[in-house]
């Protein structure tokens, strides 16, 4: 009897260990997309739905609203959310998101946009955010975070709001723009020297610092604007270099070495990389756009490899101790990828 009991216990132990190993080996897959125009064809949904992802993150410009008429904005959301491919995604995959300028309400808009309160409620309604969520009543924006726990791994998605509090941007005059920037495919904006200017606002900065102290195996800063690229003249964190540096300083302060960045907005995709003060590499994957394309890709001194300027989406897969970032085309083919060892 003792031998039988021991043998049974041994078999149960083996089976339990094998089951745990199988669970821990299940990859985590997160999709990212941005720049989705409700009036354009959207064949990309078929490939994204075939991914059978664990989470889908919309990074902004989720519709092209560009209006102060809230009935018009509602109609544009209704049209986009009614598309069959998006309906399939919403039915089968948890979907979260943040806004950028066009769904916020106006091109390159910031704190001055007069309809931001009404726009907030419309967006959160379509993302099925609960009526009692702090995102609906906060005085300083709709920023949020999400924890995806699976396969004994905890992935933190941090979604800052870069619109609600954003100060006016600095730009060159029209003549300078036409003569020197436009011919080089650069935008009109220049880095601000005013350290009082902000994108996040102080309350959101305090929240962001708290988020970086939460336990997680992997962190993703899902930002509507590019973080690492510099001096394109278009909207990016580089237009407020003191805030860009403030975030990098927080990574150093809390020794955050498990974070990658995913961004949207540009209408092209690319990988960017910098070496931090501790010589660890910080990676960014720009995934843009789901419908929008931009032929004149701006220079980026931190770009790794080539850019891709046709319709695309981003994928992060976490398997074991490897994190794979990929950009895929409208048919689901991988056009660029990079593996990070955790």
C-alpha atoms as a PDB file:
ATOM      1  CA  UNK A   1       0.000   0.000   0.000  1.00  0.00           C
ATOM      2  CA  UNK A   2       2.862   2.360   0.821  1.00  0.00           C
ATOM      3  CA  UNK A   3       4.403   1.783  -2.633  1.00  0.00           C
ATOM      4  CA  UNK A   4       1.060   2.357  -4.386  1.00  0.00           C
ATOM      5  CA  UNK A   5       0.504   5.622  -2.455  1.00  0.00           C
ATOM      6  CA  UNK A   6       4.022   6.815  -3.222  1.00  0.00           C
ATOM      7  CA  UNK A   7       3.670   5.962  -6.909  1.00  0.00           C
ATOM      8  CA  UNK A   8       0.304   7.734  -7.156  1.00  0.00           C
ATOM      9  CA  UNK A   9       1.754  10.805  -5.402  1.00  0.00           C
ATOM     10  CA  UNK A  10       4.731  10.753  -7.767  1.00  0.00           C
ATOM     11  CA  UNK A  11       2.477  10.589 -10.838  1.00  0.00           C
ATOM     12  CA  UNK A  12       0.282  13.430  -9.543  1.00  0.00           C
ATOM     13  CA  UNK A  13       3.380  15.537  -8.885  1.00  0.00           C
ATOM     14  CA  UNK A  14       4.667  14.941 -12.419  1.00  0.00           C
ATOM     15  CA  UNK A  15       1.282  15.744 -13.971  1.00  0.00           C
ATOM     16  CA  UNK A  16       0.917  18.914 -11.884  1.00  0.00           C
ATOM     17  CA  UNK A  17       4.408  20.051 -12.843  1.00  0.00           C
ATOM     18  CA  UNK A  18       3.746  19.356 -16.517  1.00  0.00           C
ATOM     19  CA  UNK A  19       0.445  21.274 -16.367  1.00  0.00           C
ATOM     20  CA  UNK A  20       2.157  24.223 -14.701  1.00  0.00           C
ATOM     21  CA  UNK A  21       4.861  24.183 -17.361  1.00  0.00           C
ATOM     22  CA  UNK A  22       2.260  24.108 -20.132  1.00  0.00           C
ATOM     23  CA  UNK A  23       0.405  27.064 -18.596  1.00  0.00           C
ATOM     24  CA  UNK A  24       3.608  29.075 -18.137  1.00  0.00           C
ATOM     25  CA  UNK A  25       4.602  28.438 -21.763  1.00  0.00           C
ATOM     26  CA  UNK A  26       1.392  29.891 -23.228  1.00  0.00           C
ATOM     27  CA  UNK A  27       2.433  33.108 -25.028  1.00  0.00           C
ATOM     28  CA  UNK A  28       0.791  36.434 -24.289  1.00  0.00           C
ATOM     29  CA  UNK A  29      -0.178  38.368 -27.408  1.00  0.00           C
ATOM     30  CA  UNK A  30      -1.146  42.057 -27.478  1.00  0.00           C
ATOM     31  CA  UNK A  31      -2.139  43.960 -30.627  1.00  0.00           C
ATOM     32  CA  UNK A  32      -1.643  47.696 -31.126  1.00  0.00           C
ATOM     33  CA  UNK A  33      -3.115  50.041 -33.710  1.00  0.00           C
ATOM     34  CA  UNK A  34      -3.680  53.719 -34.395  1.00  0.00           C
ATOM     35  CA  UNK A  35      -4.877  56.158 -37.046  1.00  0.00           C
ATOM     36  CA  UNK A  36      -8.157  54.567 -38.067  1.00  0.00           C
ATOM     37  CA  UNK A  37     -10.320  56.607 -40.457  1.00  0.00           C
ATOM     38  CA  UNK A  38     -13.987  55.725 -40.339  1.00  0.00           C
ATOM     39  CA  UNK A  39     -14.586  56.650 -44.007  1.00  0.00           C
ATOM     40  CA  UNK A  40     -11.868  54.434 -45.519  1.00  0.00           C
ATOM     41  CA  UNK A  41     -11.737  50.718 -46.405  1.00  0.00           C
ATOM     42  CA  UNK A  42     -10.457  48.585 -43.508  1.00  0.00           C
ATOM     43  CA  UNK A  43      -9.335  45.169 -44.783  1.00  0.00           C
ATOM     44  CA  UNK A  44      -6.752  44.969 -41.990  1.00  0.00           C
ATOM     45  CA  UNK A  45      -9.334  43.723 -39.487  1.00  0.00           C
ATOM     46  CA  UNK A  46      -9.324  40.236 -41.022  1.00  0.00           C
ATOM     47  CA  UNK A  47      -5.639  39.725 -40.252  1.00  0.00           C
ATOM     48  CA  UNK A  48      -5.913  41.222 -36.782  1.00  0.00           C
ATOM     49  CA  UNK A  49      -8.900  39.084 -35.852  1.00  0.00           C
ATOM     50  CA  UNK A  50      -7.050  35.952 -36.969  1.00  0.00           C
ATOM     51  CA  UNK A  51      -4.344  36.749 -34.405  1.00  0.00           C
ATOM     52  CA  UNK A  52      -6.717  35.751 -31.577  1.00  0.00           C
ATOM     53  CA  UNK A  53      -4.908  38.146 -29.256  1.00  0.00           C
ATOM     54  CA  UNK A  54      -5.351  38.503 -25.519  1.00  0.00           C
ATOM     55  CA  UNK A  55      -5.681  42.302 -25.705  1.00  0.00           C
ATOM     56  CA  UNK A  56      -6.098  45.006 -28.346  1.00  0.00           C
ATOM     57  CA  UNK A  57      -4.858  48.525 -27.605  1.00  0.00           C
ATOM     58  CA  UNK A  58      -5.923  51.527 -29.681  1.00  0.00           C
ATOM     59  CA  UNK A  59      -3.270  54.233 -29.412  1.00  0.00           C
ATOM     60  CA  UNK A  60      -5.231  57.235 -30.661  1.00  0.00           C
ATOM     61  CA  UNK A  61      -6.827  58.797 -33.739  1.00  0.00           C
ATOM     62  CA  UNK A  62      -9.296  55.969 -33.305  1.00  0.00           C
ATOM     63  CA  UNK A  63     -11.685  58.057 -35.403  1.00  0.00           C
ATOM     64  CA  UNK A  64     -11.070  61.248 -37.337  1.00  0.00           C
ATOM     65  CA  UNK A  65     -13.480  63.589 -35.590  1.00  0.00           C
ATOM     66  CA  UNK A  66     -11.929  67.042 -36.093  1.00  0.00           C
ATOM     67  CA  UNK A  67     -14.990  68.961 -34.999  1.00  0.00           C
ATOM     68  CA  UNK A  68     -16.555  70.950 -32.181  1.00  0.00           C
ATOM     69  CA  UNK A  69     -19.968  69.530 -33.106  1.00  0.00           C
ATOM     70  CA  UNK A  70     -20.517  66.640 -30.716  1.00  0.00           C
ATOM     71  CA  UNK A  71     -23.338  65.141 -32.771  1.00  0.00           C
ATOM     72  CA  UNK A  72     -20.939  64.916 -35.683  1.00  0.00           C
ATOM     73  CA  UNK A  73     -18.318  63.308 -33.443  1.00  0.00           C
ATOM     74  CA  UNK A  74     -20.855  60.755 -32.182  1.00  0.00           C
ATOM     75  CA  UNK A  75     -21.836  59.894 -35.734  1.00  0.00           C
ATOM     76  CA  UNK A  76     -18.207  59.257 -36.683  1.00  0.00           C
ATOM     77  CA  UNK A  77     -17.701  56.964 -33.685  1.00  0.00           C
ATOM     78  CA  UNK A  78     -20.937  55.142 -34.500  1.00  0.00           C
ATOM     79  CA  UNK A  79     -19.825  54.572 -38.087  1.00  0.00           C
ATOM     80  CA  UNK A  80     -16.426  53.231 -37.048  1.00  0.00           C
ATOM     81  CA  UNK A  81     -17.693  51.021 -34.251  1.00  0.00           C
ATOM     82  CA  UNK A  82     -20.300  49.510 -36.604  1.00  0.00           C
ATOM     83  CA  UNK A  83     -17.737  48.162 -39.097  1.00  0.00           C
ATOM     84  CA  UNK A  84     -17.904  44.379 -39.223  1.00  0.00           C
ATOM     85  CA  UNK A  85     -14.196  43.794 -38.585  1.00  0.00           C
ATOM     86  CA  UNK A  86     -14.180  46.006 -35.544  1.00  0.00           C
ATOM     87  CA  UNK A  87     -17.377  44.402 -34.272  1.00  0.00           C
ATOM     88  CA  UNK A  88     -15.641  41.012 -34.442  1.00  0.00           C
ATOM     89  CA  UNK A  89     -12.647  42.350 -32.541  1.00  0.00           C
ATOM     90  CA  UNK A  90     -14.802  43.926 -29.832  1.00  0.00           C
ATOM     91  CA  UNK A  91     -16.796  40.708 -29.436  1.00  0.00           C
ATOM     92  CA  UNK A  92     -13.764  38.442 -29.066  1.00  0.00           C
ATOM     93  CA  UNK A  93     -10.890  40.525 -27.668  1.00  0.00           C
ATOM     94  CA  UNK A  94     -10.665  42.874 -24.726  1.00  0.00           C
ATOM     95  CA  UNK A  95     -10.119  46.327 -26.257  1.00  0.00           C
ATOM     96  CA  UNK A  96      -8.759  49.378 -24.444  1.00  0.00           C
ATOM     97  CA  UNK A  97      -7.476  52.704 -25.680  1.00  0.00           C
ATOM     98  CA  UNK A  98      -6.397  56.288 -25.345  1.00  0.00           C
ATOM     99  CA  UNK A  99      -7.018  59.239 -27.655  1.00  0.00           C
ATOM    100  CA  UNK A 100      -4.818  61.446 -29.778  1.00  0.00           C
ATOM    101  CA  UNK A 101      -5.668  64.751 -31.440  1.00  0.00           C
ATOM    102  CA  UNK A 102      -8.206  63.771 -34.119  1.00  0.00           C
ATOM    103  CA  UNK A 103     -10.463  61.801 -31.777  1.00  0.00           C
ATOM    104  CA  UNK A 104      -9.826  64.308 -28.981  1.00  0.00           C
ATOM    105  CA  UNK A 105     -11.442  66.736 -31.395  1.00  0.00           C
ATOM    106  CA  UNK A 106      -9.039  68.834 -33.448  1.00  0.00           C
ATOM    107  CA  UNK A 107      -5.715  68.516 -35.253  1.00  0.00           C
ATOM    108  CA  UNK A 108      -2.775  69.014 -32.831  1.00  0.00           C
ATOM    109  CA  UNK A 109      -5.181  70.239 -30.122  1.00  0.00           C
ATOM    110  CA  UNK A 110      -4.323  70.489 -26.444  1.00  0.00           C
ATOM    111  CA  UNK A 111      -5.763  71.960 -23.258  1.00  0.00           C
ATOM    112  CA  UNK A 112      -7.454  74.790 -25.152  1.00  0.00           C
ATOM    113  CA  UNK A 113      -9.904  72.535 -27.046  1.00  0.00           C
ATOM    114  CA  UNK A 114     -13.343  73.738 -25.840  1.00  0.00           C
ATOM    115  CA  UNK A 115     -15.267  70.468 -26.185  1.00  0.00           C
ATOM    116  CA  UNK A 116     -12.882  68.132 -24.405  1.00  0.00           C
ATOM    117  CA  UNK A 117     -15.322  67.303 -21.601  1.00  0.00           C
ATOM    118  CA  UNK A 118     -18.068  66.225 -23.990  1.00  0.00           C
ATOM    119  CA  UNK A 119     -15.549  64.448 -26.213  1.00  0.00           C
ATOM    120  CA  UNK A 120     -14.273  62.527 -23.205  1.00  0.00           C
ATOM    121  CA  UNK A 121     -17.699  61.109 -22.395  1.00  0.00           C
ATOM    122  CA  UNK A 122     -18.344  60.088 -26.001  1.00  0.00           C
ATOM    123  CA  UNK A 123     -15.040  58.245 -26.282  1.00  0.00           C
ATOM    124  CA  UNK A 124     -15.421  56.455 -22.961  1.00  0.00           C
ATOM    125  CA  UNK A 125     -18.970  55.423 -23.889  1.00  0.00           C
ATOM    126  CA  UNK A 126     -17.705  53.695 -27.029  1.00  0.00           C
ATOM    127  CA  UNK A 127     -14.935  51.960 -25.099  1.00  0.00           C
ATOM    128  CA  UNK A 128     -17.547  50.744 -22.574  1.00  0.00           C
ATOM    129  CA  UNK A 129     -15.775  52.411 -19.656  1.00  0.00           C
ATOM    130  CA  UNK A 130     -17.980  52.159 -16.529  1.00  0.00           C
ATOM    131  CA  UNK A 131     -20.019  55.226 -15.615  1.00  0.00           C
ATOM    132  CA  UNK A 132     -18.341  55.396 -12.202  1.00  0.00           C
ATOM    133  CA  UNK A 133     -14.797  55.251 -13.606  1.00  0.00           C
ATOM    134  CA  UNK A 134     -12.392  57.989 -12.444  1.00  0.00           C
ATOM    135  CA  UNK A 135     -11.560  58.518 -16.118  1.00  0.00           C
ATOM    136  CA  UNK A 136     -14.972  60.173 -16.551  1.00  0.00           C
ATOM    137  CA  UNK A 137     -14.648  62.776 -13.824  1.00  0.00           C
ATOM    138  CA  UNK A 138     -10.933  63.398 -13.317  1.00  0.00           C
ATOM    139  CA  UNK A 139     -10.002  67.036 -13.634  1.00  0.00           C
ATOM    140  CA  UNK A 140      -6.905  66.299 -15.681  1.00  0.00           C
ATOM    141  CA  UNK A 141      -7.644  63.654 -18.284  1.00  0.00           C
ATOM    142  CA  UNK A 142      -8.487  60.076 -19.211  1.00  0.00           C
ATOM    143  CA  UNK A 143      -5.118  58.427 -18.496  1.00  0.00           C
ATOM    144  CA  UNK A 144      -5.306  54.855 -17.254  1.00  0.00           C
ATOM    145  CA  UNK A 145      -3.408  51.601 -16.836  1.00  0.00           C
ATOM    146  CA  UNK A 146      -4.315  47.970 -17.334  1.00  0.00           C
ATOM    147  CA  UNK A 147      -2.822  44.770 -15.917  1.00  0.00           C
ATOM    148  CA  UNK A 148      -2.934  41.637 -18.064  1.00  0.00           C
ATOM    149  CA  UNK A 149      -2.156  38.553 -15.983  1.00  0.00           C
ATOM    150  CA  UNK A 150      -1.615  35.300 -17.830  1.00  0.00           C
ATOM    151  CA  UNK A 151       0.829  32.404 -17.913  1.00  0.00           C
ATOM    152  CA  UNK A 152       2.277  33.435 -14.541  1.00  0.00           C
ATOM    153  CA  UNK A 153       3.245  36.769 -16.101  1.00  0.00           C
ATOM    154  CA  UNK A 154       1.940  40.221 -15.244  1.00  0.00           C
ATOM    155  CA  UNK A 155       2.013  42.760 -18.074  1.00  0.00           C
ATOM    156  CA  UNK A 156       1.269  46.400 -17.248  1.00  0.00           C
ATOM    157  CA  UNK A 157      -0.086  48.680 -20.008  1.00  0.00           C
ATOM    158  CA  UNK A 158       0.280  52.382 -19.124  1.00  0.00           C
ATOM    159  CA  UNK A 159      -1.798  54.787 -21.212  1.00  0.00           C
ATOM    160  CA  UNK A 160      -0.998  58.478 -20.550  1.00  0.00           C
ATOM    161  CA  UNK A 161      -3.266  61.273 -21.758  1.00  0.00           C
ATOM    162  CA  UNK A 162      -1.151  63.629 -23.896  1.00  0.00           C
ATOM    163  CA  UNK A 163      -4.023  65.971 -24.844  1.00  0.00           C
ATOM    164  CA  UNK A 164      -6.091  67.165 -21.902  1.00  0.00           C
ATOM    165  CA  UNK A 165      -3.371  69.252 -20.223  1.00  0.00           C
ATOM    166  CA  UNK A 166      -1.031  69.943 -23.111  1.00  0.00           C
ATOM    167  CA  UNK A 167       0.363  73.464 -23.294  1.00  0.00           C
ATOM    168  CA  UNK A 168       0.577  75.364 -26.606  1.00  0.00           C
ATOM    169  CA  UNK A 169       3.410  74.140 -28.802  1.00  0.00           C
ATOM    170  CA  UNK A 170       6.203  76.350 -30.081  1.00  0.00           C
ATOM    171  CA  UNK A 171       6.651  76.604 -33.848  1.00  0.00           C
ATOM    172  CA  UNK A 172       8.641  78.455 -36.476  1.00  0.00           C
ATOM    173  CA  UNK A 173       7.052  81.240 -38.505  1.00  0.00           C
ATOM    174  CA  UNK A 174       5.338  80.395 -41.779  1.00  0.00           C
ATOM    175  CA  UNK A 175       8.171  81.659 -44.003  1.00  0.00           C
ATOM    176  CA  UNK A 176      10.784  79.615 -42.122  1.00  0.00           C
ATOM    177  CA  UNK A 177       8.560  76.567 -42.372  1.00  0.00           C
ATOM    178  CA  UNK A 178       8.017  76.919 -46.126  1.00  0.00           C
ATOM    179  CA  UNK A 179      11.685  77.586 -46.882  1.00  0.00           C
ATOM    180  CA  UNK A 180      13.509  75.129 -44.630  1.00  0.00           C
ATOM    181  CA  UNK A 181      11.202  72.624 -42.958  1.00  0.00           C
ATOM    182  CA  UNK A 182       8.567  71.683 -45.524  1.00  0.00           C
ATOM    183  CA  UNK A 183      11.108  70.784 -48.264  1.00  0.00           C
ATOM    184  CA  UNK A 184      12.733  68.338 -45.818  1.00  0.00           C
ATOM    185  CA  UNK A 185       9.444  66.728 -44.738  1.00  0.00           C
ATOM    186  CA  UNK A 186       9.679  68.288 -41.291  1.00  0.00           C
ATOM    187  CA  UNK A 187       6.822  69.740 -39.300  1.00  0.00           C
ATOM    188  CA  UNK A 188       6.544  73.306 -37.979  1.00  0.00           C
ATOM    189  CA  UNK A 189       7.179  72.621 -34.280  1.00  0.00           C
ATOM    190  CA  UNK A 190      10.374  73.175 -32.330  1.00  0.00           C
ATOM    191  CA  UNK A 191      11.455  71.964 -28.872  1.00  0.00           C
ATOM    192  CA  UNK A 192      10.154  74.192 -26.098  1.00  0.00           C
ATOM    193  CA  UNK A 193      12.589  75.862 -23.702  1.00  0.00           C
ATOM    194  CA  UNK A 194       9.786  76.706 -21.273  1.00  0.00           C
ATOM    195  CA  UNK A 195       9.937  74.095 -18.516  1.00  0.00           C
ATOM    196  CA  UNK A 196       6.523  75.184 -17.279  1.00  0.00           C
ATOM    197  CA  UNK A 197       4.959  73.826 -20.475  1.00  0.00           C
ATOM    198  CA  UNK A 198       3.549  70.322 -20.182  1.00  0.00           C
ATOM    199  CA  UNK A 199       1.732  67.457 -21.836  1.00  0.00           C
ATOM    200  CA  UNK A 200       0.785  65.472 -18.752  1.00  0.00           C
ATOM    201  CA  UNK A 201       0.229  68.018 -15.988  1.00  0.00           C
ATOM    202  CA  UNK A 202       1.637  67.553 -12.501  1.00  0.00           C
ATOM    203  CA  UNK A 203      -1.145  65.328 -11.142  1.00  0.00           C
ATOM    204  CA  UNK A 204      -0.736  62.894 -14.033  1.00  0.00           C
ATOM    205  CA  UNK A 205       3.035  62.901 -13.517  1.00  0.00           C
ATOM    206  CA  UNK A 206       2.509  61.829  -9.909  1.00  0.00           C
ATOM    207  CA  UNK A 207       0.147  59.081 -11.082  1.00  0.00           C
ATOM    208  CA  UNK A 208       2.683  57.917 -13.677  1.00  0.00           C
ATOM    209  CA  UNK A 209       5.428  57.715 -11.053  1.00  0.00           C
ATOM    210  CA  UNK A 210       3.137  55.584  -8.883  1.00  0.00           C
ATOM    211  CA  UNK A 211       2.409  53.282 -11.829  1.00  0.00           C
ATOM    212  CA  UNK A 212       6.099  52.607 -12.351  1.00  0.00           C
ATOM    213  CA  UNK A 213       6.301  51.328  -8.781  1.00  0.00           C
ATOM    214  CA  UNK A 214       3.551  48.734  -9.262  1.00  0.00           C
ATOM    215  CA  UNK A 215       4.723  45.104  -9.541  1.00  0.00           C
ATOM    216  CA  UNK A 216       4.921  43.829 -13.132  1.00  0.00           C
ATOM    217  CA  UNK A 217       7.040  41.441 -15.161  1.00  0.00           C
ATOM    218  CA  UNK A 218       6.784  43.606 -18.277  1.00  0.00           C
ATOM    219  CA  UNK A 219       5.638  47.205 -18.729  1.00  0.00           C
ATOM    220  CA  UNK A 220       4.410  48.865 -21.910  1.00  0.00           C
ATOM    221  CA  UNK A 221       4.157  52.640 -22.149  1.00  0.00           C
ATOM    222  CA  UNK A 222       1.405  52.953 -24.777  1.00  0.00           C
ATOM    223  CA  UNK A 223       1.712  56.566 -25.867  1.00  0.00           C
ATOM    224  CA  UNK A 224      -0.272  58.255 -28.625  1.00  0.00           C
ATOM    225  CA  UNK A 225       2.829  60.224 -29.726  1.00  0.00           C
ATOM    226  CA  UNK A 226       6.359  59.045 -30.437  1.00  0.00           C
ATOM    227  CA  UNK A 227       8.717  59.200 -27.460  1.00  0.00           C
ATOM    228  CA  UNK A 228      12.264  58.410 -28.627  1.00  0.00           C
ATOM    229  CA  UNK A 229      12.496  60.119 -32.051  1.00  0.00           C
ATOM    230  CA  UNK A 230      13.726  63.725 -31.960  1.00  0.00           C
ATOM    231  CA  UNK A 231      13.460  66.896 -34.050  1.00  0.00           C
ATOM    232  CA  UNK A 232      10.928  65.793 -36.684  1.00  0.00           C
ATOM    233  CA  UNK A 233       8.969  69.010 -36.269  1.00  0.00           C
ATOM    234  CA  UNK A 234       5.737  67.035 -35.944  1.00  0.00           C
ATOM    235  CA  UNK A 235       4.042  66.318 -32.649  1.00  0.00           C
ATOM    236  CA  UNK A 236       6.118  64.142 -30.314  1.00  0.00           C
ATOM    237  CA  UNK A 237       7.564  64.082 -26.814  1.00  0.00           C
ATOM    238  CA  UNK A 238      10.632  65.799 -28.311  1.00  0.00           C
ATOM    239  CA  UNK A 239       8.658  69.066 -28.494  1.00  0.00           C
ATOM    240  CA  UNK A 240       8.732  69.116 -24.682  1.00  0.00           C
ATOM    241  CA  UNK A 241      12.257  67.792 -24.031  1.00  0.00           C
ATOM    242  CA  UNK A 242      12.100  68.450 -20.274  1.00  0.00           C
ATOM    243  CA  UNK A 243       9.136  66.066 -19.989  1.00  0.00           C
ATOM    244  CA  UNK A 244      10.847  63.459 -22.144  1.00  0.00           C
ATOM    245  CA  UNK A 245      13.876  63.668 -19.858  1.00  0.00           C
ATOM    246  CA  UNK A 246      11.670  63.541 -16.772  1.00  0.00           C
ATOM    247  CA  UNK A 247      10.294  60.166 -17.818  1.00  0.00           C
ATOM    248  CA  UNK A 248      13.766  58.808 -18.556  1.00  0.00           C
ATOM    249  CA  UNK A 249      14.856  60.005 -15.103  1.00  0.00           C
ATOM    250  CA  UNK A 250      11.973  58.080 -13.524  1.00  0.00           C
ATOM    251  CA  UNK A 251      13.131  54.899 -15.239  1.00  0.00           C
ATOM    252  CA  UNK A 252      16.577  55.453 -13.734  1.00  0.00           C
ATOM    253  CA  UNK A 253      15.211  56.388 -10.301  1.00  0.00           C
ATOM    254  CA  UNK A 254      13.199  53.187  -9.951  1.00  0.00           C
ATOM    255  CA  UNK A 255      15.623  51.025 -11.961  1.00  0.00           C
ATOM    256  CA  UNK A 256      12.925  50.140 -14.482  1.00  0.00           C
ATOM    257  CA  UNK A 257      14.531  47.805 -17.008  1.00  0.00           C
ATOM    258  CA  UNK A 258      11.431  45.854 -18.049  1.00  0.00           C
ATOM    259  CA  UNK A 259       9.681  48.606 -20.043  1.00  0.00           C
ATOM    260  CA  UNK A 260       9.155  49.027 -23.778  1.00  0.00           C
ATOM    261  CA  UNK A 261       7.321  51.832 -25.560  1.00  0.00           C
ATOM    262  CA  UNK A 262       4.621  51.541 -28.214  1.00  0.00           C
ATOM    263  CA  UNK A 263       3.433  54.667 -30.045  1.00  0.00           C
ATOM    264  CA  UNK A 264       1.139  55.724 -32.892  1.00  0.00           C
ATOM    265  CA  UNK A 265       0.261  58.962 -34.750  1.00  0.00           C
ATOM    266  CA  UNK A 266       2.855  59.078 -37.534  1.00  0.00           C
ATOM    267  CA  UNK A 267       1.170  57.097 -40.368  1.00  0.00           C
ATOM    268  CA  UNK A 268       4.320  55.003 -40.673  1.00  0.00           C
ATOM    269  CA  UNK A 269       5.896  52.333 -38.477  1.00  0.00           C
ATOM    270  CA  UNK A 270       9.446  51.906 -37.238  1.00  0.00           C
ATOM    271  CA  UNK A 271      11.609  50.700 -34.376  1.00  0.00           C
ATOM    272  CA  UNK A 272      13.651  53.199 -32.368  1.00  0.00           C
ATOM    273  CA  UNK A 273      16.290  52.594 -29.726  1.00  0.00           C
ATOM    274  CA  UNK A 274      18.428  54.611 -27.310  1.00  0.00           C
ATOM    275  CA  UNK A 275      20.958  53.672 -24.646  1.00  0.00           C
ATOM    276  CA  UNK A 276      19.978  54.911 -21.187  1.00  0.00           C
ATOM    277  CA  UNK A 277      22.336  56.243 -18.526  1.00  0.00           C
ATOM    278  CA  UNK A 278      22.774  52.694 -17.187  1.00  0.00           C
ATOM    279  CA  UNK A 279      23.641  51.549 -20.745  1.00  0.00           C
ATOM    280  CA  UNK A 280      20.463  49.451 -20.918  1.00  0.00           C
ATOM    281  CA  UNK A 281      18.640  49.786 -24.234  1.00  0.00           C
ATOM    282  CA  UNK A 282      15.183  51.355 -24.377  1.00  0.00           C
ATOM    283  CA  UNK A 283      13.084  50.263 -27.368  1.00  0.00           C
ATOM    284  CA  UNK A 284      10.070  51.850 -29.030  1.00  0.00           C
ATOM    285  CA  UNK A 285       7.771  50.335 -31.638  1.00  0.00           C
ATOM    286  CA  UNK A 286       5.682  52.830 -33.601  1.00  0.00           C
ATOM    287  CA  UNK A 287       2.553  51.170 -35.063  1.00  0.00           C
ATOM    288  CA  UNK A 288       0.685  53.473 -37.464  1.00  0.00           C
ATOM    289  CA  UNK A 289      -1.681  53.439 -39.154  1.00  0.00           C
ATOM    290  CA  UNK A 290      -4.535  51.002 -39.548  1.00  0.00           C
ATOM    291  CA  UNK A 291      -5.833  52.955 -42.550  1.00  0.00           C
ATOM    292  CA  UNK A 292      -3.563  56.020 -42.803  1.00  0.00           C
ATOM    293  CA  UNK A 293      -0.323  56.075 -44.787  1.00  0.00           C
ATOM    294  CA  UNK A 294       2.407  58.718 -45.130  1.00  0.00           C
ATOM    295  CA  UNK A 295       4.944  58.551 -47.935  1.00  0.00           C
ATOM    296  CA  UNK A 296       7.380  61.233 -46.720  1.00  0.00           C
ATOM    297  CA  UNK A 297       8.816  59.557 -43.631  1.00  0.00           C
ATOM    298  CA  UNK A 298      10.660  62.006 -41.358  1.00  0.00           C
ATOM    299  CA  UNK A 299      14.291  61.515 -40.333  1.00  0.00           C
ATOM    300  CA  UNK A 300      14.885  59.647 -37.077  1.00  0.00           C
ATOM    301  CA  UNK A 301      18.411  59.340 -35.722  1.00  0.00           C
ATOM    302  CA  UNK A 302      17.261  56.573 -33.353  1.00  0.00           C
ATOM    303  CA  UNK A 303      15.606  54.419 -36.015  1.00  0.00           C
ATOM    304  CA  UNK A 304      16.744  50.786 -36.214  1.00  0.00           C
ATOM    305  CA  UNK A 305      16.307  49.285 -39.676  1.00  0.00           C
ATOM    306  CA  UNK A 306      13.779  50.630 -42.172  1.00  0.00           C
ATOM    307  CA  UNK A 307      10.422  52.319 -41.771  1.00  0.00           C
ATOM    308  CA  UNK A 308       7.161  50.960 -43.191  1.00  0.00           C
ATOM    309  CA  UNK A 309       4.577  53.397 -44.551  1.00  0.00           C
ATOM    310  CA  UNK A 310       1.638  51.217 -45.593  1.00  0.00           C
ATOM    311  CA  UNK A 311      -1.325  50.102 -43.483  1.00  0.00           C
ATOM    312  CA  UNK A 312      -0.103  48.030 -40.534  1.00  0.00           C
ATOM    313  CA  UNK A 313      -0.565  46.985 -36.933  1.00  0.00           C
ATOM    314  CA  UNK A 314       1.803  46.153 -34.091  1.00  0.00           C
ATOM    315  CA  UNK A 315       2.135  42.958 -32.072  1.00  0.00           C
ATOM    316  CA  UNK A 316       3.892  42.220 -28.801  1.00  0.00           C
ATOM    317  CA  UNK A 317       4.286  38.549 -27.908  1.00  0.00           C
ATOM    318  CA  UNK A 318       5.664  37.442 -24.568  1.00  0.00           C
ATOM    319  CA  UNK A 319       6.867  33.855 -24.420  1.00  0.00           C
ATOM    320  CA  UNK A 320       9.122  32.569 -21.678  1.00  0.00           C
ATOM    321  CA  UNK A 321      11.922  35.097 -21.303  1.00  0.00           C
ATOM    322  CA  UNK A 322      11.543  36.609 -24.758  1.00  0.00           C
ATOM    323  CA  UNK A 323       9.505  39.621 -25.828  1.00  0.00           C
ATOM    324  CA  UNK A 324       8.967  39.923 -29.582  1.00  0.00           C
ATOM    325  CA  UNK A 325       7.813  43.196 -31.151  1.00  0.00           C
ATOM    326  CA  UNK A 326       6.483  42.938 -34.709  1.00  0.00           C
ATOM    327  CA  UNK A 327       4.897  45.140 -37.341  1.00  0.00           C
ATOM    328  CA  UNK A 328       2.513  43.292 -39.660  1.00  0.00           C
ATOM    329  CA  UNK A 329       0.925  44.376 -42.922  1.00  0.00           C
ATOM    330  CA  UNK A 330      -2.698  44.328 -44.015  1.00  0.00           C
ATOM    331  CA  UNK A 331      -2.460  40.581 -44.765  1.00  0.00           C
ATOM    332  CA  UNK A 332      -0.851  39.707 -41.438  1.00  0.00           C
ATOM    333  CA  UNK A 333       2.644  39.230 -42.856  1.00  0.00           C
ATOM    334  CA  UNK A 334       5.524  40.335 -40.618  1.00  0.00           C
ATOM    335  CA  UNK A 335       7.401  43.222 -42.223  1.00  0.00           C
ATOM    336  CA  UNK A 336       9.774  43.902 -39.318  1.00  0.00           C
ATOM    337  CA  UNK A 337      10.405  42.426 -35.888  1.00  0.00           C
ATOM    338  CA  UNK A 338      12.798  42.530 -32.977  1.00  0.00           C
ATOM    339  CA  UNK A 339      13.340  40.162 -30.050  1.00  0.00           C
ATOM    340  CA  UNK A 340      14.253  41.421 -26.575  1.00  0.00           C
ATOM    341  CA  UNK A 341      15.664  39.020 -24.000  1.00  0.00           C
ATOM    342  CA  UNK A 342      14.075  39.694 -20.613  1.00  0.00           C
END
